[in-house]
Protein backbone atom coordinates (compact mmCIF):
# COMPACT_ATOMS: atom_id res chain seq x y z
CA UNK A 1 3.73 -9.74 -8.49
CA UNK A 2 5.39 -6.26 -8.66
CA UNK A 3 4.31 -4.01 -11.22
CA UNK A 4 6.89 -1.51 -11.57
CA UNK A 5 8.40 1.49 -9.21
CA UNK A 6 5.84 4.10 -7.97
CA UNK A 7 8.09 6.31 -6.38
CA UNK A 8 11.45 6.30 -4.01
CA UNK A 9 11.19 8.75 -1.14
CA UNK A 10 14.03 10.77 0.30
CA UNK A 11 14.09 13.47 3.11
CA UNK A 12 14.94 16.98 1.95
CA UNK A 13 16.21 20.20 4.01
CA UNK A 14 14.04 22.49 2.15
CA UNK A 15 11.03 21.87 -0.56
CA UNK A 16 11.35 25.14 -2.51
CA UNK A 17 15.01 24.72 -3.29
CA UNK A 18 14.50 20.93 -3.62
CA UNK A 19 11.60 22.05 -6.42
CA UNK A 20 14.09 24.36 -7.93
CA UNK A 21 16.62 21.59 -8.79
CA UNK A 22 14.32 18.53 -9.55
CA UNK A 23 11.75 20.97 -11.61
CA UNK A 24 13.62 23.70 -13.13
CA UNK A 25 17.06 22.34 -13.48
CA UNK A 26 16.35 18.47 -14.06
CA UNK A 27 12.79 19.05 -15.64
CA UNK A 28 10.81 16.76 -13.49
CA UNK A 29 7.20 18.50 -13.03
CA UNK A 30 5.96 18.84 -9.73
CA UNK A 31 3.21 16.30 -9.64
CA UNK A 32 1.55 16.27 -6.49
CA UNK A 33 2.13 17.51 -2.52
CA UNK A 34 0.88 16.47 0.60
CA UNK A 35 0.92 18.84 3.59
CA UNK A 36 0.68 16.12 6.32
CA UNK A 37 -0.58 17.16 9.85
CA UNK A 38 -1.40 14.46 11.35
CA UNK A 39 -0.79 10.57 11.55
CA UNK A 40 -2.79 7.80 10.71
CA UNK A 41 -2.58 6.92 14.51
CA UNK A 42 -3.45 10.91 15.22
CA UNK A 43 -0.38 11.92 16.38
CA UNK A 44 0.16 15.61 15.41
CA UNK A 45 3.20 16.26 12.64
CA UNK A 46 4.34 18.59 10.52
CA UNK A 47 5.53 17.49 6.94
CA UNK A 48 5.42 18.21 3.51
CA UNK A 49 5.47 15.31 1.10
CA UNK A 50 6.20 16.24 -2.50
CA UNK A 51 6.29 14.18 -6.11
CA UNK A 52 8.41 14.62 -9.33
CA UNK A 53 6.99 12.99 -12.17
CA UNK A 54 9.15 11.17 -14.79
CA UNK A 55 7.99 9.93 -18.07
CA UNK A 56 7.33 6.23 -17.37
CA UNK A 57 4.76 7.10 -14.69
CA UNK A 58 7.18 6.83 -11.95
CA UNK A 59 8.08 9.59 -9.15
CA UNK A 60 11.00 10.62 -7.03
CA UNK A 61 9.46 11.94 -3.86
CA UNK A 62 10.67 13.92 -0.53
CA UNK A 63 9.74 14.81 2.63
CA UNK A 64 10.65 18.11 4.49
CA UNK A 65 9.92 17.69 8.19
CA UNK A 66 11.08 21.09 9.63
CA UNK A 67 10.55 19.67 12.99
CA UNK A 68 12.99 16.82 12.69
CA UNK A 69 16.90 17.45 11.92
CA UNK A 70 17.60 16.32 8.41
CA UNK A 71 21.35 15.06 9.18
CA UNK A 72 22.58 13.99 5.61
CA UNK A 73 25.72 12.10 5.97
CA UNK A 74 27.81 12.57 2.94
CA UNK A 75 28.47 9.43 1.41
CA UNK A 76 30.49 7.90 -1.65
CA UNK A 77 28.59 7.95 -4.88
CA UNK A 78 28.18 4.24 -4.56
CA UNK A 79 26.58 4.20 -1.44
CA UNK A 80 23.63 6.19 -2.39
CA UNK A 81 22.69 7.70 -5.70
CA UNK A 82 19.59 8.21 -7.86
CA UNK A 83 20.07 7.23 -11.59
CA UNK A 84 17.82 8.43 -13.84
CA UNK A 85 17.75 7.16 -17.44
CA UNK A 86 17.85 9.85 -20.53
CA UNK A 87 18.63 9.85 -23.95
CA UNK A 88 22.41 10.54 -25.18
CA UNK A 89 21.57 13.59 -26.55
CA UNK A 90 19.84 15.07 -23.33
CA UNK A 91 22.90 13.74 -21.51
CA UNK A 92 25.40 16.05 -23.38
CA UNK A 93 22.79 18.80 -22.85
CA UNK A 94 22.70 18.13 -19.19
CA UNK A 95 26.19 18.02 -18.71
CA UNK A 96 26.89 21.40 -20.20
CA UNK A 97 23.75 23.15 -18.30
CA UNK A 98 25.27 21.50 -14.98
CA UNK A 99 28.77 23.28 -16.02
CA UNK A 100 27.31 26.29 -17.29
CA UNK A 101 24.90 26.67 -13.94
CA UNK A 102 27.71 26.23 -11.66
CA UNK A 103 26.37 22.86 -10.52
CA UNK A 104 28.73 20.22 -9.36
CA UNK A 105 28.74 17.94 -12.44
CA UNK A 106 31.27 14.95 -13.05
CA UNK A 107 31.27 12.85 -16.16
CA UNK A 108 30.41 12.03 -18.56
CA UNK A 109 31.61 8.48 -17.29
CA UNK A 110 31.73 5.48 -19.77
CA UNK A 111 30.57 2.27 -18.09
CA UNK A 112 30.36 0.11 -20.98
CA UNK A 113 26.59 -0.46 -20.88
CA UNK A 114 25.93 3.20 -19.85
CA UNK A 115 27.60 6.39 -20.10
CA UNK A 116 26.88 8.54 -16.74
CA UNK A 117 27.16 12.20 -15.55
CA UNK A 118 26.53 13.14 -12.11
CA UNK A 119 25.55 15.97 -9.92
CA UNK A 120 24.77 16.75 -6.22
CA UNK A 121 21.13 18.00 -5.52
CA UNK A 122 20.77 20.75 -2.71
CA UNK A 123 20.19 17.98 0.07
CA UNK A 124 23.43 16.37 -0.83
CA UNK A 125 22.26 13.19 -2.86
CA UNK A 126 24.21 11.83 -6.09
CA UNK A 127 21.96 12.20 -9.14
CA UNK A 128 23.44 10.28 -11.97
CA UNK A 129 21.76 10.76 -15.29
CA UNK A 130 22.41 7.85 -17.44
CA UNK A 131 22.12 7.03 -21.51
CA UNK A 132 22.10 3.33 -22.77
CA UNK A 133 24.60 1.91 -25.05
CA UNK A 134 23.89 0.33 -28.23
CA UNK A 135 24.50 -3.42 -26.37
CA UNK A 136 23.13 -2.28 -22.89
CA UNK A 137 20.56 -5.45 -23.22
CA UNK A 138 23.23 -7.61 -23.61
CA UNK A 139 25.01 -6.46 -20.52
CA UNK A 140 22.02 -6.84 -18.66
CA UNK A 141 20.83 -10.05 -19.98
CA UNK A 142 21.13 -12.77 -16.87
CA UNK A 143 20.55 -15.62 -19.77
CA UNK A 144 24.08 -14.18 -21.21
CA UNK A 145 26.00 -12.21 -18.89
CA UNK A 146 26.74 -14.87 -16.04
CA UNK A 147 25.32 -12.60 -13.12
CA UNK A 148 24.87 -15.11 -10.88
CA UNK A 149 28.24 -17.16 -11.44
CA UNK A 150 30.22 -13.32 -10.91
CA UNK A 151 28.01 -13.28 -7.49
CA UNK A 152 28.76 -16.50 -6.32
CA UNK A 153 32.57 -15.97 -7.35
CA UNK A 154 32.54 -13.18 -5.38
CA UNK A 155 31.11 -14.92 -2.32
CA UNK A 156 33.27 -17.43 -2.45
CA UNK A 157 36.52 -15.06 -2.68
CA UNK A 158 35.33 -13.18 0.44
CA UNK A 159 35.08 -16.66 2.36
CA UNK A 160 38.72 -17.02 1.55
């Protein structure tokens, strides 16, 4: 049985500028680093793997591989984004902080079950900070929200 998320890992252009965004701006402490010089099969490699801790015990992680090109393809926010949960007060504070620090900041968007703001990190990834609304749990309860029925209707509509 899956217990939970340990970490999600992404490529980064520069570990120091990534640390500045995730630790200094977002407040996620740098929890660990691995300086990897050899793969498990003995191949020489140069990679730095960093981990940023979250309150639930999970991590966001990044790989910097200077010898391998990092070709980020900018995507629409719903193609790839990292959504991190905060309280409503922190959501407002971070919205104001992002604007004050000149970081590309969008929102506050009301999605009914959450309210969200969006940033771009130095690597191009969209970071969503999201705060649950009072009726979040009912929106996310498959016993009452008809999630499977909506998905089945979607699939049927695509079939013609």
